Amino acid sequence: MLFIKAKSFCLIGAIFLFSSNSFANFEVSQSVLDEINSFKLKKPIFRTKSESEDLLNTVFEKIQDSAIEVCKEHVKNTDRCKWELIIESNNQFNAYASEDNKITFYTGLVRGVYYEEELAFVVAHEIAHHIGNHIAEAKTKTVFGAVIGAIITGSTGIPTGNIILSGANMGRLSGSKRQELEADALSLEILKKSGYDLEKSRHGIIRLTRIGVSRVNSVFMDSHPSGPERVIWYDQVREYLENE
């Protein structure tokens, strides 16, 4: 559970009081889709693994103090305010947070961006998953879903494996879109405190959308919001932060 201070981010606190995936309904307008499709992104800069590591460390050094400050404002357990960054040789445009405060970045991600701010957004986003305790939360919900599946199995006689697996998946996915948007919002808070240009970091969310967009609006069993939904959310949070 994320402990939000009233002065710290009322917008997130208001939206994320509920843990279901029905937390928000984004209306994706044609103008948003047109901007995403026509947005002029700069060609990514190819970086060697060594250069990727150097850039990743540079970004982390710039945001670390602000990330720790945000973490301590939002959580009671400050053990979540220490992070270990790992870089792996992999062409995928991806990064992920895992247990023991670890964050893994693929070289394909670092090579897939132009601005340092784009990478900073992803680094802060993955840090935010730890601040929000999302990994432990997802694990708990997966176990709970599996238990519910087992109970249903006992009362219906449907093959055990199918129901338990479905229950586990339902548990894992419940609240996952909320977690992603929460991490995006905290990422922007960290970047703003670190002095990064939020217009340049916005290029990163557009790039993510262009790479992975599959539908305009997300549906119940999606693990992430759709790309256009994330762009809308990014702009809403940015406006809030710049006007607070």
C-alpha atoms as a PDB file:
ATOM      1  CA  MET A   1       0.000   0.000   0.000  1.00  0.00           C
ATOM      2  CA  LEU A   2       1.292   3.435  -0.880  1.00  0.00           C
ATOM      3  CA  PHE A   3       1.017   6.010   1.877  1.00  0.00           C
ATOM      4  CA  ILE A   4       0.287   9.357   0.208  1.00  0.00           C
ATOM      5  CA  LYS A   5       0.834  12.621   2.067  1.00  0.00           C
ATOM      6  CA  ALA A   6      -1.904  15.147   1.402  1.00  0.00           C
ATOM      7  CA  LYS A   7       0.514  17.863   0.296  1.00  0.00           C
ATOM      8  CA  SER A   8       2.553  15.435  -1.755  1.00  0.00           C
ATOM      9  CA  PHE A   9       0.201  14.354  -4.491  1.00  0.00           C
ATOM     10  CA  CYS A  10      -3.512  14.720  -3.934  1.00  0.00           C
ATOM     11  CA  LEU A  11      -4.265  13.763  -7.530  1.00  0.00           C
ATOM     12  CA  ILE A  12      -2.794  10.283  -7.173  1.00  0.00           C
ATOM     13  CA  GLY A  13      -4.339   9.790  -3.761  1.00  0.00           C
ATOM     14  CA  ALA A  14      -7.792  10.606  -5.087  1.00  0.00           C
ATOM     15  CA  ILE A  15      -7.597   8.350  -8.135  1.00  0.00           C
ATOM     16  CA  PHE A  16      -5.873   5.389  -6.527  1.00  0.00           C
ATOM     17  CA  LEU A  17      -8.096   4.898  -3.493  1.00  0.00           C
ATOM     18  CA  PHE A  18      -9.494   1.915  -5.382  1.00  0.00           C
ATOM     19  CA  SER A  19      -7.367  -1.059  -6.401  1.00  0.00           C
ATOM     20  CA  SER A  20      -9.569  -2.360  -9.207  1.00  0.00           C
ATOM     21  CA  ASN A  21      -8.755  -1.862 -12.883  1.00  0.00           C
ATOM     22  CA  SER A  22     -11.855   0.302 -13.267  1.00  0.00           C
ATOM     23  CA  PHE A  23     -10.148   3.211 -11.513  1.00  0.00           C
ATOM     24  CA  ALA A  24     -10.329   5.592 -14.440  1.00  0.00           C
ATOM     25  CA  ASN A  25     -12.052   5.998 -17.757  1.00  0.00           C
ATOM     26  CA  PHE A  26      -9.947   7.793 -20.338  1.00  0.00           C
ATOM     27  CA  GLU A  27     -11.634   9.278 -23.351  1.00  0.00           C
ATOM     28  CA  VAL A  28      -9.081   9.010 -26.134  1.00  0.00           C
ATOM     29  CA  SER A  29      -9.867  11.712 -28.669  1.00  0.00           C
ATOM     30  CA  GLN A  30      -8.894  11.650 -32.314  1.00  0.00           C
ATOM     31  CA  SER A  31      -6.590  14.602 -31.692  1.00  0.00           C
ATOM     32  CA  VAL A  32      -4.577  12.501 -29.231  1.00  0.00           C
ATOM     33  CA  LEU A  33      -4.250   9.685 -31.764  1.00  0.00           C
ATOM     34  CA  ASP A  34      -3.309  12.140 -34.501  1.00  0.00           C
ATOM     35  CA  GLU A  35      -0.562  13.636 -32.342  1.00  0.00           C
ATOM     36  CA  ILE A  36       0.857  10.215 -31.481  1.00  0.00           C
ATOM     37  CA  ASN A  37       0.897   9.142 -35.126  1.00  0.00           C
ATOM     38  CA  SER A  38       2.383  12.393 -36.449  1.00  0.00           C
ATOM     39  CA  PHE A  39       4.786  13.170 -33.601  1.00  0.00           C
ATOM     40  CA  LYS A  40       8.321  13.712 -34.912  1.00  0.00           C
ATOM     41  CA  LEU A  41      10.570  11.562 -32.784  1.00  0.00           C
ATOM     42  CA  LYS A  42      14.319  11.898 -33.115  1.00  0.00           C
ATOM     43  CA  LYS A  43      16.181   8.819 -34.302  1.00  0.00           C
ATOM     44  CA  PRO A  44      17.531   6.797 -31.343  1.00  0.00           C
ATOM     45  CA  ILE A  45      21.254   6.947 -30.626  1.00  0.00           C
ATOM     46  CA  PHE A  46      23.073   3.623 -30.800  1.00  0.00           C
ATOM     47  CA  ARG A  47      25.118   3.071 -27.652  1.00  0.00           C
ATOM     48  CA  THR A  48      27.528   0.285 -26.773  1.00  0.00           C
ATOM     49  CA  LYS A  49      26.929  -1.623 -23.565  1.00  0.00           C
ATOM     50  CA  SER A  50      29.626   0.460 -21.869  1.00  0.00           C
ATOM     51  CA  GLU A  51      28.032   3.696 -23.099  1.00  0.00           C
ATOM     52  CA  SER A  52      24.631   2.417 -22.019  1.00  0.00           C
ATOM     53  CA  GLU A  53      25.935   1.700 -18.528  1.00  0.00           C
ATOM     54  CA  ASP A  54      27.514   5.166 -18.333  1.00  0.00           C
ATOM     55  CA  LEU A  55      24.280   6.889 -19.370  1.00  0.00           C
ATOM     56  CA  LEU A  56      22.212   4.784 -16.981  1.00  0.00           C
ATOM     57  CA  ASN A  57      24.552   5.633 -14.100  1.00  0.00           C
ATOM     58  CA  THR A  58      24.478   9.328 -15.044  1.00  0.00           C
ATOM     59  CA  VAL A  59      20.685   9.338 -14.970  1.00  0.00           C
ATOM     60  CA  PHE A  60      20.558   7.465 -11.677  1.00  0.00           C
ATOM     61  CA  GLU A  61      23.006   9.873 -10.051  1.00  0.00           C
ATOM     62  CA  LYS A  62      20.875  12.824 -11.170  1.00  0.00           C
ATOM     63  CA  ILE A  63      17.581  11.474  -9.882  1.00  0.00           C
ATOM     64  CA  GLN A  64      18.707   9.459  -6.857  1.00  0.00           C
ATOM     65  CA  ASP A  65      18.399  12.222  -4.246  1.00  0.00           C
ATOM     66  CA  SER A  66      14.980  13.303  -5.528  1.00  0.00           C
ATOM     67  CA  ALA A  67      13.824   9.683  -5.748  1.00  0.00           C
ATOM     68  CA  ILE A  68      14.862   9.055  -2.142  1.00  0.00           C
ATOM     69  CA  GLU A  69      13.092  12.269  -1.087  1.00  0.00           C
ATOM     70  CA  VAL A  70       9.887  11.215  -2.857  1.00  0.00           C
ATOM     71  CA  CYS A  71      10.183   7.709  -1.446  1.00  0.00           C
ATOM     72  CA  LYS A  72      10.520   8.938   2.125  1.00  0.00           C
ATOM     73  CA  GLU A  73       7.547  11.258   1.637  1.00  0.00           C
ATOM     74  CA  HIS A  74       5.332   8.416   0.427  1.00  0.00           C
ATOM     75  CA  VAL A  75       6.243   5.305   2.415  1.00  0.00           C
ATOM     76  CA  LYS A  76       6.750   4.228   6.008  1.00  0.00           C
ATOM     77  CA  ASN A  77       9.250   1.478   5.219  1.00  0.00           C
ATOM     78  CA  THR A  78      12.349   3.316   3.966  1.00  0.00           C
ATOM     79  CA  ASP A  79      14.021   0.005   3.091  1.00  0.00           C
ATOM     80  CA  ARG A  80      12.221   0.504  -0.233  1.00  0.00           C
ATOM     81  CA  CYS A  81      14.265   3.668  -0.809  1.00  0.00           C
ATOM     82  CA  LYS A  82      17.451   1.867  -1.947  1.00  0.00           C
ATOM     83  CA  TRP A  83      17.766   0.434  -5.436  1.00  0.00           C
ATOM     84  CA  GLU A  84      20.167  -1.729  -7.392  1.00  0.00           C
ATOM     85  CA  LEU A  85      20.416  -1.141 -11.149  1.00  0.00           C
ATOM     86  CA  ILE A  86      21.363  -3.980 -13.493  1.00  0.00           C
ATOM     87  CA  ILE A  87      21.945  -3.742 -17.240  1.00  0.00           C
ATOM     88  CA  GLU A  88      21.655  -6.767 -19.517  1.00  0.00           C
ATOM     89  CA  SER A  89      22.590  -7.232 -23.157  1.00  0.00           C
ATOM     90  CA  ASN A  90      19.208  -7.674 -24.790  1.00  0.00           C
ATOM     91  CA  ASN A  91      17.732  -5.967 -27.856  1.00  0.00           C
ATOM     92  CA  GLN A  92      14.270  -5.602 -26.346  1.00  0.00           C
ATOM     93  CA  PHE A  93      13.033  -2.106 -25.512  1.00  0.00           C
ATOM     94  CA  ASN A  94      12.300  -3.015 -21.915  1.00  0.00           C
ATOM     95  CA  ALA A  95      13.068  -2.637 -18.216  1.00  0.00           C
ATOM     96  CA  TYR A  96      11.500  -4.180 -15.137  1.00  0.00           C
ATOM     97  CA  ALA A  97      11.532  -3.985 -11.357  1.00  0.00           C
ATOM     98  CA  SER A  98      11.959  -7.179  -9.354  1.00  0.00           C
ATOM     99  CA  GLU A  99      12.345  -8.338  -5.778  1.00  0.00           C
ATOM    100  CA  ASP A 100      15.101  -7.092  -3.452  1.00  0.00           C
ATOM    101  CA  ASN A 101      14.820  -3.562  -4.885  1.00  0.00           C
ATOM    102  CA  LYS A 102      16.427  -4.614  -8.165  1.00  0.00           C
ATOM    103  CA  ILE A 103      15.753  -2.881 -11.496  1.00  0.00           C
ATOM    104  CA  THR A 104      16.921  -4.471 -14.755  1.00  0.00           C
ATOM    105  CA  PHE A 105      17.425  -2.482 -17.941  1.00  0.00           C
ATOM    106  CA  TYR A 106      18.037  -3.957 -21.367  1.00  0.00           C
ATOM    107  CA  THR A 107      20.605  -2.364 -23.640  1.00  0.00           C
ATOM    108  CA  GLY A 108      17.864  -2.264 -26.282  1.00  0.00           C
ATOM    109  CA  LEU A 109      16.035   0.293 -24.150  1.00  0.00           C
ATOM    110  CA  VAL A 110      19.048   2.582 -23.730  1.00  0.00           C
ATOM    111  CA  ARG A 111      19.807   2.320 -27.453  1.00  0.00           C
ATOM    112  CA  GLY A 112      16.189   2.982 -28.320  1.00  0.00           C
ATOM    113  CA  VAL A 113      15.995   6.551 -26.983  1.00  0.00           C
ATOM    114  CA  TYR A 114      17.414   9.875 -28.095  1.00  0.00           C
ATOM    115  CA  TYR A 115      17.045  12.152 -25.089  1.00  0.00           C
ATOM    116  CA  GLU A 116      18.508  11.379 -21.693  1.00  0.00           C
ATOM    117  CA  GLU A 117      15.142  12.495 -20.311  1.00  0.00           C
ATOM    118  CA  GLU A 118      13.415   9.572 -22.040  1.00  0.00           C
ATOM    119  CA  LEU A 119      15.620   7.108 -20.180  1.00  0.00           C
ATOM    120  CA  ALA A 120      15.204   9.086 -16.948  1.00  0.00           C
ATOM    121  CA  PHE A 121      11.446   8.639 -17.189  1.00  0.00           C
ATOM    122  CA  VAL A 122      11.823   4.847 -17.402  1.00  0.00           C
ATOM    123  CA  VAL A 123      14.378   4.712 -14.568  1.00  0.00           C
ATOM    124  CA  ALA A 124      12.106   6.777 -12.315  1.00  0.00           C
ATOM    125  CA  HIS A 125       9.093   4.685 -13.354  1.00  0.00           C
ATOM    126  CA  GLU A 126      10.771   1.454 -12.259  1.00  0.00           C
ATOM    127  CA  ILE A 127      11.943   3.067  -9.020  1.00  0.00           C
ATOM    128  CA  ALA A 128       8.327   4.106  -8.466  1.00  0.00           C
ATOM    129  CA  HIS A 129       7.231   0.466  -8.636  1.00  0.00           C
ATOM    130  CA  HIS A 130       9.429  -0.165  -5.599  1.00  0.00           C
ATOM    131  CA  ILE A 131       8.189   2.963  -3.824  1.00  0.00           C
ATOM    132  CA  GLY A 132       4.631   1.729  -4.360  1.00  0.00           C
ATOM    133  CA  ASN A 133       5.529  -1.807  -3.208  1.00  0.00           C
ATOM    134  CA  HIS A 134       3.973  -3.062  -6.432  1.00  0.00           C
ATOM    135  CA  ILE A 135       6.018  -6.251  -6.733  1.00  0.00           C
ATOM    136  CA  ALA A 136       4.931  -7.549  -3.309  1.00  0.00           C
ATOM    137  CA  GLU A 137       1.373  -6.358  -3.944  1.00  0.00           C
ATOM    138  CA  ALA A 138       1.155  -8.272  -7.229  1.00  0.00           C
ATOM    139  CA  LYS A 139       2.593 -11.401  -5.601  1.00  0.00           C
ATOM    140  CA  THR A 140       0.016 -11.259  -2.794  1.00  0.00           C
ATOM    141  CA  LYS A 141      -2.846 -10.797  -5.243  1.00  0.00           C
ATOM    142  CA  THR A 142      -1.600 -13.724  -7.358  1.00  0.00           C
ATOM    143  CA  VAL A 143      -1.612 -16.030  -4.335  1.00  0.00           C
ATOM    144  CA  PHE A 144      -5.041 -14.755  -3.245  1.00  0.00           C
ATOM    145  CA  GLY A 145      -6.432 -15.346  -6.749  1.00  0.00           C
ATOM    146  CA  ALA A 146      -5.066 -18.886  -6.766  1.00  0.00           C
ATOM    147  CA  VAL A 147      -6.684 -19.594  -3.387  1.00  0.00           C
ATOM    148  CA  ILE A 148     -10.047 -18.322  -4.654  1.00  0.00           C
ATOM    149  CA  GLY A 149      -9.593 -20.536  -7.717  1.00  0.00           C
ATOM    150  CA  ALA A 150      -8.978 -23.533  -5.478  1.00  0.00           C
ATOM    151  CA  ILE A 151     -12.140 -22.780  -3.488  1.00  0.00           C
ATOM    152  CA  ILE A 152     -14.169 -22.551  -6.701  1.00  0.00           C
ATOM    153  CA  THR A 153     -12.657 -25.841  -7.867  1.00  0.00           C
ATOM    154  CA  GLY A 154     -13.802 -27.556  -4.703  1.00  0.00           C
ATOM    155  CA  SER A 155     -17.384 -26.421  -5.210  1.00  0.00           C
ATOM    156  CA  THR A 156     -17.713 -26.914  -8.972  1.00  0.00           C
ATOM    157  CA  GLY A 157     -15.598 -29.935  -9.809  1.00  0.00           C
ATOM    158  CA  ILE A 158     -13.949 -28.105 -12.740  1.00  0.00           C
ATOM    159  CA  PRO A 159     -10.355 -29.343 -13.355  1.00  0.00           C
ATOM    160  CA  THR A 160      -8.153 -27.894 -10.618  1.00  0.00           C
ATOM    161  CA  GLY A 161      -5.274 -26.579 -12.722  1.00  0.00           C
ATOM    162  CA  ASN A 162      -7.433 -24.465 -15.043  1.00  0.00           C
ATOM    163  CA  ILE A 163      -9.343 -22.672 -12.305  1.00  0.00           C
ATOM    164  CA  ILE A 164      -6.354 -22.105 -10.027  1.00  0.00           C
ATOM    165  CA  LEU A 165      -4.279 -20.752 -12.916  1.00  0.00           C
ATOM    166  CA  SER A 166      -7.102 -18.467 -14.021  1.00  0.00           C
ATOM    167  CA  GLY A 167      -7.565 -17.268 -10.452  1.00  0.00           C
ATOM    168  CA  ALA A 168      -3.864 -16.546 -10.095  1.00  0.00           C
ATOM    169  CA  ASN A 169      -3.833 -14.575 -13.351  1.00  0.00           C
ATOM    170  CA  MET A 170      -6.912 -12.601 -12.332  1.00  0.00           C
ATOM    171  CA  GLY A 171      -5.300 -11.802  -9.006  1.00  0.00           C
ATOM    172  CA  ARG A 172      -2.046 -10.717 -10.630  1.00  0.00           C
ATOM    173  CA  LEU A 173      -3.812  -8.438 -13.095  1.00  0.00           C
ATOM    174  CA  SER A 174      -6.197  -6.833 -10.618  1.00  0.00           C
ATOM    175  CA  GLY A 175      -4.848  -3.368  -9.996  1.00  0.00           C
ATOM    176  CA  SER A 176      -1.935  -3.742 -12.421  1.00  0.00           C
ATOM    177  CA  LYS A 177      -3.067  -0.844 -14.614  1.00  0.00           C
ATOM    178  CA  ARG A 178      -3.424   1.289 -11.517  1.00  0.00           C
ATOM    179  CA  GLN A 179       0.148   0.378 -10.575  1.00  0.00           C
ATOM    180  CA  GLU A 180       1.452   1.436 -13.979  1.00  0.00           C
ATOM    181  CA  LEU A 181      -0.264   4.824 -13.876  1.00  0.00           C
ATOM    182  CA  GLU A 182       0.798   5.321 -10.280  1.00  0.00           C
ATOM    183  CA  ALA A 183       4.398   4.625 -11.318  1.00  0.00           C
ATOM    184  CA  ASP A 184       4.092   7.083 -14.229  1.00  0.00           C
ATOM    185  CA  ALA A 185       2.837   9.789 -11.864  1.00  0.00           C
ATOM    186  CA  LEU A 186       5.563   9.230  -9.285  1.00  0.00           C
ATOM    187  CA  SER A 187       8.124   9.149 -12.090  1.00  0.00           C
ATOM    188  CA  LEU A 188       7.074  12.617 -13.193  1.00  0.00           C
ATOM    189  CA  GLU A 189       7.244  13.864  -9.612  1.00  0.00           C
ATOM    190  CA  ILE A 190      10.817  12.541  -9.343  1.00  0.00           C
ATOM    191  CA  LEU A 191      11.858  14.032 -12.697  1.00  0.00           C
ATOM    192  CA  LYS A 192      10.431  17.443 -11.825  1.00  0.00           C
ATOM    193  CA  LYS A 193      12.297  17.497  -8.514  1.00  0.00           C
ATOM    194  CA  SER A 194      15.470  16.428 -10.364  1.00  0.00           C
ATOM    195  CA  GLY A 195      15.240  19.321 -12.820  1.00  0.00           C
ATOM    196  CA  TYR A 196      14.631  17.214 -15.918  1.00  0.00           C
ATOM    197  CA  ASP A 197      12.751  18.660 -18.894  1.00  0.00           C
ATOM    198  CA  LEU A 198       9.281  17.081 -18.804  1.00  0.00           C
ATOM    199  CA  GLU A 199       8.675  17.936 -22.463  1.00  0.00           C
ATOM    200  CA  LYS A 200      11.687  15.869 -23.511  1.00  0.00           C
ATOM    201  CA  SER A 201      10.747  13.006 -21.187  1.00  0.00           C
ATOM    202  CA  ARG A 202       7.310  13.061 -22.838  1.00  0.00           C
ATOM    203  CA  HIS A 203       9.066  11.925 -26.022  1.00  0.00           C
ATOM    204  CA  GLY A 204       9.714   8.679 -24.169  1.00  0.00           C
ATOM    205  CA  ILE A 205       6.037   7.977 -23.481  1.00  0.00           C
ATOM    206  CA  ILE A 206       5.222   8.783 -27.117  1.00  0.00           C
ATOM    207  CA  ARG A 207       7.992   6.425 -28.224  1.00  0.00           C
ATOM    208  CA  LEU A 208       6.675   3.667 -25.941  1.00  0.00           C
ATOM    209  CA  THR A 209       3.224   4.211 -27.390  1.00  0.00           C
ATOM    210  CA  ARG A 210       4.433   4.059 -30.977  1.00  0.00           C
ATOM    211  CA  ILE A 211       6.359   0.851 -30.287  1.00  0.00           C
ATOM    212  CA  GLY A 212       3.670  -0.964 -28.328  1.00  0.00           C
ATOM    213  CA  VAL A 213       0.266   0.528 -29.097  1.00  0.00           C
ATOM    214  CA  SER A 214      -2.251  -2.206 -29.938  1.00  0.00           C
ATOM    215  CA  ARG A 215      -5.567  -0.583 -29.057  1.00  0.00           C
ATOM    216  CA  VAL A 216      -6.932   2.839 -28.267  1.00  0.00           C
ATOM    217  CA  ASN A 217      -8.417   1.895 -24.886  1.00  0.00           C
ATOM    218  CA  SER A 218      -7.312  -0.865 -22.535  1.00  0.00           C
ATOM    219  CA  VAL A 219      -9.691  -3.632 -21.492  1.00  0.00           C
ATOM    220  CA  PHE A 220     -10.209  -5.454 -18.208  1.00  0.00           C
ATOM    221  CA  MET A 221      -7.553  -8.163 -18.544  1.00  0.00           C
ATOM    222  CA  ASP A 222      -4.806  -5.891 -19.895  1.00  0.00           C
ATOM    223  CA  SER A 223      -1.797  -5.576 -17.588  1.00  0.00           C
ATOM    224  CA  HIS A 224      -0.994  -2.033 -18.771  1.00  0.00           C
ATOM    225  CA  PRO A 225      -3.051   0.968 -19.830  1.00  0.00           C
ATOM    226  CA  SER A 226      -3.071   1.521 -23.582  1.00  0.00           C
ATOM    227  CA  GLY A 227      -0.449   3.840 -25.050  1.00  0.00           C
ATOM    228  CA  PRO A 228      -2.902   6.690 -25.733  1.00  0.00           C
ATOM    229  CA  GLU A 229      -4.269   6.397 -22.193  1.00  0.00           C
ATOM    230  CA  ARG A 230      -0.764   6.770 -20.798  1.00  0.00           C
ATOM    231  CA  VAL A 231      -0.146   9.854 -22.927  1.00  0.00           C
ATOM    232  CA  ILE A 232      -3.344  11.444 -21.602  1.00  0.00           C
ATOM    233  CA  TRP A 233      -2.402  10.544 -18.029  1.00  0.00           C
ATOM    234  CA  TYR A 234       1.126  11.902 -18.512  1.00  0.00           C
ATOM    235  CA  ASP A 235      -0.269  15.249 -19.626  1.00  0.00           C
ATOM    236  CA  GLN A 236      -2.761  15.389 -16.743  1.00  0.00           C
ATOM    237  CA  VAL A 237      -0.106  14.676 -14.120  1.00  0.00           C
ATOM    238  CA  ARG A 238       2.362  17.067 -15.707  1.00  0.00           C
ATOM    239  CA  GLU A 239      -0.221  19.858 -15.680  1.00  0.00           C
ATOM    240  CA  TYR A 240      -0.977  19.151 -12.023  1.00  0.00           C
ATOM    241  CA  LEU A 241       2.704  19.214 -11.047  1.00  0.00           C
ATOM    242  CA  GLU A 242       3.457  22.382 -12.978  1.00  0.00           C
ATOM    243  CA  ASN A 243       0.511  24.208 -11.404  1.00  0.00           C
ATOM    244  CA  GLU A 244       0.843  23.062  -7.794  1.00  0.00           C
END
